[in-house]
Amino acid sequence: MQINKILSFAVGIRSLPVVGGQAVEGQAYELRKGVHIVVGTPGRMKDCLETNFLVLNQCNYVVLDEADR
């Protein structure tokens, strides 16, 4: 994912792509471990919010990626 290339210089910054087509359980596990940047599609972000894997009151910025449409 491109975000990892952008952050390659930043030591200690953890990012996570939250997208469909991948197991939500694995993404939920990584979210519970804690990340600094989440990049996701609207549908999967909504799924993570509804199941409380992601809590927006702990976020400073929200970026939705819908580049495939």
PDB file of N, CA and C in Angstrom:
ATOM      1  N   MET A   1       0.847  -1.180   0.000  1.00  0.00           N
ATOM      2  CA  MET A   1       0.000   0.000   0.000  1.00  0.00           C
ATOM      3  C   MET A   1       0.889   1.240   0.000  1.00  0.00           C
ATOM      4  N   GLN A   2       0.441   2.290  -0.650  1.00  0.00           N
ATOM      5  CA  GLN A   2       1.223   3.507  -0.810  1.00  0.00           C
ATOM      6  C   GLN A   2       1.540   4.198   0.505  1.00  0.00           C
ATOM      7  N   ILE A   3       0.657   4.096   1.487  1.00  0.00           N
ATOM      8  CA  ILE A   3       0.897   4.775   2.762  1.00  0.00           C
ATOM      9  C   ILE A   3       2.174   4.257   3.424  1.00  0.00           C
ATOM     10  N   ASN A   4       2.486   2.985   3.252  1.00  0.00           N
ATOM     11  CA  ASN A   4       3.711   2.433   3.823  1.00  0.00           C
ATOM     12  C   ASN A   4       4.946   3.026   3.162  1.00  0.00           C
ATOM     13  N   LYS A   5       4.880   3.320   1.872  1.00  0.00           N
ATOM     14  CA  LYS A   5       6.000   3.972   1.186  1.00  0.00           C
ATOM     15  C   LYS A   5       6.180   5.399   1.693  1.00  0.00           C
ATOM     16  N   ILE A   6       5.074   6.086   1.900  1.00  0.00           N
ATOM     17  CA  ILE A   6       5.139   7.463   2.385  1.00  0.00           C
ATOM     18  C   ILE A   6       5.721   7.513   3.797  1.00  0.00           C
ATOM     19  N   LEU A   7       5.361   6.533   4.621  1.00  0.00           N
ATOM     20  CA  LEU A   7       5.808   6.519   6.016  1.00  0.00           C
ATOM     21  C   LEU A   7       7.126   5.794   6.233  1.00  0.00           C
ATOM     22  N   SER A   8       7.788   5.383   5.175  1.00  0.00           N
ATOM     23  CA  SER A   8       9.018   4.605   5.332  1.00  0.00           C
ATOM     24  C   SER A   8      10.091   5.370   6.108  1.00  0.00           C
ATOM     25  N   PHE A   9      10.047   6.692   6.092  1.00  0.00           N
ATOM     26  CA  PHE A   9      11.030   7.496   6.825  1.00  0.00           C
ATOM     27  C   PHE A   9      10.648   7.702   8.281  1.00  0.00           C
ATOM     28  N   ALA A  10       9.395   7.502   8.623  1.00  0.00           N
ATOM     29  CA  ALA A  10       8.906   7.789   9.967  1.00  0.00           C
ATOM     30  C   ALA A  10       8.990   6.534  10.836  1.00  0.00           C
ATOM     31  N   VAL A  11       9.917   6.529  11.749  1.00  0.00           N
ATOM     32  CA  VAL A  11      10.118   5.380  12.622  1.00  0.00           C
ATOM     33  C   VAL A  11       9.052   5.393  13.717  1.00  0.00           C
ATOM     34  N   GLY A  12       8.408   4.255  13.930  1.00  0.00           N
ATOM     35  CA  GLY A  12       7.449   4.121  15.014  1.00  0.00           C
ATOM     36  C   GLY A  12       6.016   4.503  14.668  1.00  0.00           C
ATOM     37  N   ILE A  13       5.759   4.932  13.437  1.00  0.00           N
ATOM     38  CA  ILE A  13       4.399   5.263  13.018  1.00  0.00           C
ATOM     39  C   ILE A  13       3.789   4.022  12.382  1.00  0.00           C
ATOM     40  N   ARG A  14       2.666   3.562  12.955  1.00  0.00           N
ATOM     41  CA  ARG A  14       2.004   2.361  12.450  1.00  0.00           C
ATOM     42  C   ARG A  14       0.766   2.754  11.670  1.00  0.00           C
ATOM     43  N   SER A  15       0.623   2.201  10.466  1.00  0.00           N
ATOM     44  CA  SER A  15      -0.558   2.462   9.647  1.00  0.00           C
ATOM     45  C   SER A  15      -1.258   1.148   9.345  1.00  0.00           C
ATOM     46  N   LEU A  16      -2.538   1.257   8.993  1.00  0.00           N
ATOM     47  CA  LEU A  16      -3.320   0.061   8.703  1.00  0.00           C
ATOM     48  C   LEU A  16      -4.322   0.352   7.602  1.00  0.00           C
ATOM     49  N   PRO A  17      -4.293  -0.421   6.511  1.00  0.00           N
ATOM     50  CA  PRO A  17      -5.358  -0.312   5.520  1.00  0.00           C
ATOM     51  C   PRO A  17      -6.565  -1.117   5.997  1.00  0.00           C
ATOM     52  N   VAL A  18      -7.725  -0.514   6.002  1.00  0.00           N
ATOM     53  CA  VAL A  18      -8.958  -1.174   6.427  1.00  0.00           C
ATOM     54  C   VAL A  18      -9.867  -1.198   5.199  1.00  0.00           C
ATOM     55  N   VAL A  19      -9.789  -2.295   4.447  1.00  0.00           N
ATOM     56  CA  VAL A  19     -10.506  -2.402   3.179  1.00  0.00           C
ATOM     57  C   VAL A  19     -11.220  -3.733   3.085  1.00  0.00           C
ATOM     58  N   GLY A  20     -12.239  -3.777   2.247  1.00  0.00           N
ATOM     59  CA  GLY A  20     -12.940  -5.024   1.992  1.00  0.00           C
ATOM     60  C   GLY A  20     -12.071  -5.980   1.198  1.00  0.00           C
ATOM     61  N   GLY A  21     -12.477  -7.225   1.153  1.00  0.00           N
ATOM     62  CA  GLY A  21     -11.699  -8.228   0.438  1.00  0.00           C
ATOM     63  C   GLY A  21     -10.653  -8.898   1.303  1.00  0.00           C
ATOM     64  N   GLN A  22     -10.494  -8.425   2.517  1.00  0.00           N
ATOM     65  CA  GLN A  22      -9.581  -9.018   3.481  1.00  0.00           C
ATOM     66  C   GLN A  22     -10.369  -9.373   4.725  1.00  0.00           C
ATOM     67  N   ALA A  23      -9.858 -10.276   5.518  1.00  0.00           N
ATOM     68  CA  ALA A  23     -10.558 -10.721   6.717  1.00  0.00           C
ATOM     69  C   ALA A  23     -10.690  -9.577   7.718  1.00  0.00           C
ATOM     70  N   VAL A  24     -11.906  -9.314   8.150  1.00  0.00           N
ATOM     71  CA  VAL A  24     -12.151  -8.239   9.109  1.00  0.00           C
ATOM     72  C   VAL A  24     -11.550  -8.588  10.468  1.00  0.00           C
ATOM     73  N   GLU A  25     -11.436  -9.860  10.783  1.00  0.00           N
ATOM     74  CA  GLU A  25     -10.871 -10.260  12.080  1.00  0.00           C
ATOM     75  C   GLU A  25      -9.409  -9.844  12.201  1.00  0.00           C
ATOM     76  N   GLY A  26      -8.652 -10.022  11.133  1.00  0.00           N
ATOM     77  CA  GLY A  26      -7.248  -9.613  11.142  1.00  0.00           C
ATOM     78  C   GLY A  26      -7.099  -8.113  11.265  1.00  0.00           C
ATOM     79  N   GLN A  27      -7.958  -7.368  10.575  1.00  0.00           N
ATOM     80  CA  GLN A  27      -7.918  -5.920  10.667  1.00  0.00           C
ATOM     81  C   GLN A  27      -8.332  -5.463  12.059  1.00  0.00           C
ATOM     82  N   ALA A  28      -9.321  -6.126  12.644  1.00  0.00           N
ATOM     83  CA  ALA A  28      -9.761  -5.778  14.000  1.00  0.00           C
ATOM     84  C   ALA A  28      -8.650  -6.028  15.006  1.00  0.00           C
ATOM     85  N   TYR A  29      -7.918  -7.122  14.832  1.00  0.00           N
ATOM     86  CA  TYR A  29      -6.804  -7.431  15.738  1.00  0.00           C
ATOM     87  C   TYR A  29      -5.751  -6.332  15.679  1.00  0.00           C
ATOM     88  N   GLU A  30      -5.420  -5.898  14.482  1.00  0.00           N
ATOM     89  CA  GLU A  30      -4.420  -4.835  14.329  1.00  0.00           C
ATOM     90  C   GLU A  30      -4.927  -3.511  14.911  1.00  0.00           C
ATOM     91  N   LEU A  31      -6.219  -3.220  14.738  1.00  0.00           N
ATOM     92  CA  LEU A  31      -6.781  -1.999  15.337  1.00  0.00           C
ATOM     93  C   LEU A  31      -6.708  -2.042  16.852  1.00  0.00           C
ATOM     94  N   ARG A  32      -6.973  -3.199  17.437  1.00  0.00           N
ATOM     95  CA  ARG A  32      -6.911  -3.322  18.903  1.00  0.00           C
ATOM     96  C   ARG A  32      -5.491  -3.126  19.413  1.00  0.00           C
ATOM     97  N   LYS A  33      -4.482  -3.520  18.622  1.00  0.00           N
ATOM     98  CA  LYS A  33      -3.082  -3.320  19.029  1.00  0.00           C
ATOM     99  C   LYS A  33      -2.714  -1.848  19.019  1.00  0.00           C
ATOM    100  N   GLY A  34      -3.443  -1.065  18.209  1.00  0.00           N
ATOM    101  CA  GLY A  34      -3.196   0.371  18.142  1.00  0.00           C
ATOM    102  C   GLY A  34      -2.431   0.771  16.898  1.00  0.00           C
ATOM    103  N   VAL A  35      -2.937   1.743  16.208  1.00  0.00           N
ATOM    104  CA  VAL A  35      -2.283   2.289  15.020  1.00  0.00           C
ATOM    105  C   VAL A  35      -2.392   3.804  15.058  1.00  0.00           C
ATOM    106  N   HIS A  36      -1.522   4.448  14.319  1.00  0.00           N
ATOM    107  CA  HIS A  36      -1.532   5.900  14.248  1.00  0.00           C
ATOM    108  C   HIS A  36      -2.363   6.401  13.069  1.00  0.00           C
ATOM    109  N   ILE A  37      -2.339   5.663  11.963  1.00  0.00           N
ATOM    110  CA  ILE A  37      -3.032   6.089  10.755  1.00  0.00           C
ATOM    111  C   ILE A  37      -3.861   4.928  10.221  1.00  0.00           C
ATOM    112  N   VAL A  38      -5.139   5.192   9.973  1.00  0.00           N
ATOM    113  CA  VAL A  38      -6.031   4.208   9.361  1.00  0.00           C
ATOM    114  C   VAL A  38      -6.501   4.783   8.036  1.00  0.00           C
ATOM    115  N   VAL A  39      -6.307   4.032   6.965  1.00  0.00           N
ATOM    116  CA  VAL A  39      -6.797   4.411   5.645  1.00  0.00           C
ATOM    117  C   VAL A  39      -7.789   3.339   5.246  1.00  0.00           C
ATOM    118  N   GLY A  40      -9.022   3.743   4.946  1.00  0.00           N
ATOM    119  CA  GLY A  40     -10.013   2.726   4.665  1.00  0.00           C
ATOM    120  C   GLY A  40     -11.089   3.145   3.695  1.00  0.00           C
ATOM    121  N   THR A  41     -11.766   2.145   3.189  1.00  0.00           N
ATOM    122  CA  THR A  41     -12.916   2.390   2.331  1.00  0.00           C
ATOM    123  C   THR A  41     -14.132   2.655   3.212  1.00  0.00           C
ATOM    124  N   PRO A  42     -15.087   3.414   2.710  1.00  0.00           N
ATOM    125  CA  PRO A  42     -16.253   3.759   3.535  1.00  0.00           C
ATOM    126  C   PRO A  42     -16.999   2.544   4.067  1.00  0.00           C
ATOM    127  N   GLY A  43     -17.188   1.525   3.251  1.00  0.00           N
ATOM    128  CA  GLY A  43     -17.927   0.347   3.696  1.00  0.00           C
ATOM    129  C   GLY A  43     -17.252  -0.386   4.835  1.00  0.00           C
ATOM    130  N   ARG A  44     -15.949  -0.618   4.729  1.00  0.00           N
ATOM    131  CA  ARG A  44     -15.242  -1.340   5.790  1.00  0.00           C
ATOM    132  C   ARG A  44     -15.091  -0.488   7.031  1.00  0.00           C
ATOM    133  N   MET A  45     -14.913   0.826   6.850  1.00  0.00           N
ATOM    134  CA  MET A  45     -14.848   1.704   8.020  1.00  0.00           C
ATOM    135  C   MET A  45     -16.180   1.670   8.767  1.00  0.00           C
ATOM    136  N   LYS A  46     -17.288   1.662   8.029  1.00  0.00           N
ATOM    137  CA  LYS A  46     -18.610   1.579   8.648  1.00  0.00           C
ATOM    138  C   LYS A  46     -18.756   0.272   9.411  1.00  0.00           C
ATOM    139  N   ASP A  47     -18.299  -0.836   8.821  1.00  0.00           N
ATOM    140  CA  ASP A  47     -18.341  -2.129   9.506  1.00  0.00           C
ATOM    141  C   ASP A  47     -17.555  -2.085  10.815  1.00  0.00           C
ATOM    142  N   CYS A  48     -16.371  -1.493  10.779  1.00  0.00           N
ATOM    143  CA  CYS A  48     -15.518  -1.414  11.975  1.00  0.00           C
ATOM    144  C   CYS A  48     -16.135  -0.510  13.040  1.00  0.00           C
ATOM    145  N   LEU A  49     -16.823   0.533  12.626  1.00  0.00           N
ATOM    146  CA  LEU A  49     -17.498   1.414  13.584  1.00  0.00           C
ATOM    147  C   LEU A  49     -18.679   0.708  14.237  1.00  0.00           C
ATOM    148  N   GLU A  50     -19.463  -0.016  13.439  1.00  0.00           N
ATOM    149  CA  GLU A  50     -20.642  -0.699  13.971  1.00  0.00           C
ATOM    150  C   GLU A  50     -20.281  -1.820  14.939  1.00  0.00           C
ATOM    151  N   THR A  51     -19.139  -2.447  14.740  1.00  0.00           N
ATOM    152  CA  THR A  51     -18.705  -3.530  15.632  1.00  0.00           C
ATOM    153  C   THR A  51     -17.756  -3.039  16.721  1.00  0.00           C
ATOM    154  N   ASN A  52     -17.572  -1.711  16.800  1.00  0.00           N
ATOM    155  CA  ASN A  52     -16.717  -1.071  17.814  1.00  0.00           C
ATOM    156  C   ASN A  52     -15.250  -1.481  17.733  1.00  0.00           C
ATOM    157  N   PHE A  53     -14.797  -1.869  16.539  1.00  0.00           N
ATOM    158  CA  PHE A  53     -13.365  -2.095  16.342  1.00  0.00           C
ATOM    159  C   PHE A  53     -12.640  -0.763  16.203  1.00  0.00           C
ATOM    160  N   LEU A  54     -13.363   0.244  15.750  1.00  0.00           N
ATOM    161  CA  LEU A  54     -12.818   1.573  15.522  1.00  0.00           C
ATOM    162  C   LEU A  54     -13.693   2.580  16.262  1.00  0.00           C
ATOM    163  N   VAL A  55     -13.072   3.499  16.981  1.00  0.00           N
ATOM    164  CA  VAL A  55     -13.797   4.507  17.750  1.00  0.00           C
ATOM    165  C   VAL A  55     -13.334   5.881  17.263  1.00  0.00           C
ATOM    166  N   LEU A  56     -14.261   6.637  16.693  1.00  0.00           N
ATOM    167  CA  LEU A  56     -13.869   7.910  16.084  1.00  0.00           C
ATOM    168  C   LEU A  56     -13.536   9.002  17.080  1.00  0.00           C
ATOM    169  N   ASN A  57     -13.991   8.919  18.321  1.00  0.00           N
ATOM    170  CA  ASN A  57     -13.648   9.975  19.263  1.00  0.00           C
ATOM    171  C   ASN A  57     -12.180   9.918  19.676  1.00  0.00           C
ATOM    172  N   GLN A  58     -11.464   8.910  19.236  1.00  0.00           N
ATOM    173  CA  GLN A  58     -10.027   8.818  19.483  1.00  0.00           C
ATOM    174  C   GLN A  58      -9.225   9.256  18.261  1.00  0.00           C
ATOM    175  N   CYS A  59      -9.904   9.722  17.211  1.00  0.00           N
ATOM    176  CA  CYS A  59      -9.247  10.108  15.957  1.00  0.00           C
ATOM    177  C   CYS A  59      -9.190  11.626  15.833  1.00  0.00           C
ATOM    178  N   ASN A  60      -8.100  12.108  15.280  1.00  0.00           N
ATOM    179  CA  ASN A  60      -7.983  13.531  14.974  1.00  0.00           C
ATOM    180  C   ASN A  60      -8.446  13.829  13.558  1.00  0.00           C
ATOM    181  N   TYR A  61      -8.156  12.927  12.630  1.00  0.00           N
ATOM    182  CA  TYR A  61      -8.527  13.093  11.230  1.00  0.00           C
ATOM    183  C   TYR A  61      -9.081  11.775  10.715  1.00  0.00           C
ATOM    184  N   VAL A  62      -9.999  11.862   9.772  1.00  0.00           N
ATOM    185  CA  VAL A  62     -10.549  10.681   9.121  1.00  0.00           C
ATOM    186  C   VAL A  62     -10.369  10.854   7.621  1.00  0.00           C
ATOM    187  N   VAL A  63      -9.760   9.869   6.981  1.00  0.00           N
ATOM    188  CA  VAL A  63      -9.557   9.885   5.534  1.00  0.00           C
ATOM    189  C   VAL A  63     -10.224   8.649   4.965  1.00  0.00           C
ATOM    190  N   LEU A  64     -11.158   8.858   4.050  1.00  0.00           N
ATOM    191  CA  LEU A  64     -11.816   7.743   3.379  1.00  0.00           C
ATOM    192  C   LEU A  64     -11.241   7.628   1.974  1.00  0.00           C
ATOM    193  N   ASP A  65     -10.929   6.426   1.583  1.00  0.00           N
ATOM    194  CA  ASP A  65     -10.323   6.169   0.282  1.00  0.00           C
ATOM    195  C   ASP A  65     -11.327   5.409  -0.570  1.00  0.00           C
ATOM    196  N   GLU A  66     -11.827   6.061  -1.611  1.00  0.00           N
ATOM    197  CA  GLU A  66     -12.747   5.414  -2.529  1.00  0.00           C
ATOM    198  C   GLU A  66     -12.215   5.591  -3.951  1.00  0.00           C
ATOM    199  N   ALA A  67     -10.931   5.359  -4.119  1.00  0.00           N
ATOM    200  CA  ALA A  67     -10.275   5.602  -5.393  1.00  0.00           C
ATOM    201  C   ALA A  67     -10.697   4.637  -6.481  1.00  0.00           C
ATOM    202  N   ASP A  68     -11.249   3.492  -6.114  1.00  0.00           N
ATOM    203  CA  ASP A  68     -11.614   2.519  -7.128  1.00  0.00           C
ATOM    204  C   ASP A  68     -12.954   2.831  -7.784  1.00  0.00           C
ATOM    205  N   ARG A  69     -13.638   3.859  -7.364  1.00  0.00           N
ATOM    206  CA  ARG A  69     -14.928   4.224  -7.974  1.00  0.00           C
ATOM    207  C   ARG A  69     -14.801   5.493  -8.766  1.00  0.00           C
TER     208      ARG A  69
END
